[in-house]
Amino acid sequence: MAGLVGRPEIEVITALGVPVRTYDVSGHRFLQYESRRLVGYPGSYPFGGYPYGRFGYGLYGGFPPTIETRECELTITLTQGRMQGYTRRGNDCRALPPNVG
């Protein structure tokens, strides 16, 4: 992201794609990007017990599968048409690929 600071708005949008929202406040423009994804974890067998002969399951076992929401909100600040800074919030904010910027 640091490689985009100082770049014109068109270069920022070319690198990051079209923002979800834009805001204009007191001579500043804010570009907002959002990403969300679900990540599944399979758990471990046997969940709910272990086979206990042919009469059913015992009381011990693994843990259930789980699903986690991963998200990131990126806000770019532009002044006079150039990127001044950015903020990121969320549990899935990652760096951009090295060729961006």
Protein backbone atom coordinates (compact mmCIF):
# COMPACT_ATOMS: atom_id res chain seq x y z
CA MET A 1 0.00 0.00 0.00
CA ALA A 2 2.83 2.40 0.79
CA GLY A 3 3.82 2.29 -2.90
CA LEU A 4 0.49 3.88 -3.83
CA VAL A 5 0.80 6.88 -1.49
CA GLY A 6 1.18 10.03 -3.59
CA ARG A 7 -0.18 8.38 -6.73
CA PRO A 8 -3.12 9.84 -8.69
CA GLU A 9 -6.62 8.48 -8.06
CA ILE A 10 -6.77 6.70 -11.44
CA GLU A 11 -3.63 4.70 -10.60
CA VAL A 12 -5.04 3.72 -7.20
CA ILE A 13 -8.28 2.53 -8.80
CA THR A 14 -6.35 0.72 -11.54
CA ALA A 15 -4.32 -1.11 -8.89
CA LEU A 16 -7.16 -1.92 -6.46
CA GLY A 17 -10.25 -2.03 -8.66
CA VAL A 18 -13.47 -0.07 -8.41
CA PRO A 19 -14.32 0.86 -4.80
CA VAL A 20 -17.54 -0.25 -3.12
CA ARG A 21 -18.26 3.35 -2.01
CA THR A 22 -16.83 6.84 -2.37
CA TYR A 23 -17.31 9.82 -0.07
CA ASP A 24 -16.39 13.47 -0.65
CA VAL A 25 -15.91 15.59 2.48
CA SER A 26 -14.28 19.02 2.79
CA GLY A 27 -12.02 18.64 -0.23
CA HIS A 28 -11.06 15.05 0.56
CA ARG A 29 -12.23 11.94 -1.21
CA PHE A 30 -12.49 8.56 0.49
CA LEU A 31 -12.54 5.28 -1.45
CA GLN A 32 -13.85 2.29 0.48
CA TYR A 33 -13.09 -1.34 -0.35
CA GLU A 34 -14.54 -4.38 1.40
CA SER A 35 -13.84 -8.07 1.22
CA ARG A 36 -15.54 -10.97 2.99
CA ARG A 37 -15.06 -14.70 2.78
CA LEU A 38 -16.02 -17.78 4.72
CA VAL A 39 -13.36 -20.24 5.81
CA GLY A 40 -14.37 -23.75 6.83
CA TYR A 41 -12.45 -26.01 9.16
CA PRO A 42 -13.37 -29.69 8.97
CA GLY A 43 -13.20 -30.64 12.65
CA SER A 44 -11.98 -34.04 13.67
CA TYR A 45 -13.47 -37.49 13.65
CA PRO A 46 -15.25 -38.79 15.44
CA PHE A 47 -17.45 -35.90 16.39
CA GLY A 48 -20.14 -36.84 18.88
CA GLY A 49 -18.42 -39.96 20.05
CA TYR A 50 -16.46 -42.91 18.85
CA PRO A 51 -17.83 -46.18 17.56
CA TYR A 52 -18.50 -48.44 20.52
CA GLY A 53 -19.09 -51.88 19.23
CA ARG A 54 -22.33 -52.29 17.34
CA PHE A 55 -24.49 -50.65 20.01
CA GLY A 56 -23.74 -46.98 19.43
CA TYR A 57 -21.19 -44.32 20.25
CA GLY A 58 -19.06 -43.58 23.28
CA LEU A 59 -18.96 -40.17 24.94
CA TYR A 60 -15.53 -39.10 23.75
CA GLY A 61 -14.66 -37.69 20.39
CA GLY A 62 -13.29 -34.89 18.32
CA PHE A 63 -14.65 -31.45 17.64
CA PRO A 64 -17.28 -30.24 15.13
CA PRO A 65 -16.60 -28.49 11.87
CA THR A 66 -16.60 -24.70 12.12
CA ILE A 67 -17.03 -21.79 9.73
CA GLU A 68 -15.33 -18.44 10.29
CA THR A 69 -16.05 -15.12 8.56
CA ARG A 70 -12.90 -13.33 7.44
CA GLU A 71 -13.21 -9.67 6.40
CA CYS A 72 -11.30 -6.51 5.67
CA GLU A 73 -12.38 -2.91 5.16
CA LEU A 74 -9.86 -0.65 3.41
CA THR A 75 -10.38 3.12 3.24
CA ILE A 76 -8.15 5.23 0.99
CA THR A 77 -7.85 8.99 1.61
CA LEU A 78 -7.29 11.25 -1.43
CA THR A 79 -6.48 14.96 -1.34
CA GLN A 80 -6.29 16.98 -4.55
CA GLY A 81 -6.67 13.78 -6.53
CA ARG A 82 -3.70 11.96 -4.94
CA MET A 83 -3.60 9.20 -2.34
CA GLN A 84 -2.60 10.56 1.07
CA GLY A 85 -3.06 7.49 3.25
CA TYR A 86 -5.15 4.49 4.13
CA THR A 87 -6.67 2.58 7.04
CA ARG A 88 -7.53 -1.10 7.32
CA ARG A 89 -9.89 -2.82 9.73
CA GLY A 90 -10.71 -6.49 10.06
CA ASN A 91 -9.29 -9.93 10.64
CA ASP A 92 -8.28 -10.62 7.02
CA CYS A 93 -6.37 -7.54 5.86
CA ARG A 94 -3.41 -8.64 3.77
CA ALA A 95 -0.66 -6.87 1.90
CA LEU A 96 -1.06 -6.30 -1.82
CA PRO A 97 0.97 -8.36 -4.28
CA PRO A 98 4.48 -6.96 -4.90
CA ASN A 99 3.67 -5.80 -8.45
CA VAL A 100 1.07 -3.28 -7.22
CA GLY A 101 2.51 0.20 -6.83
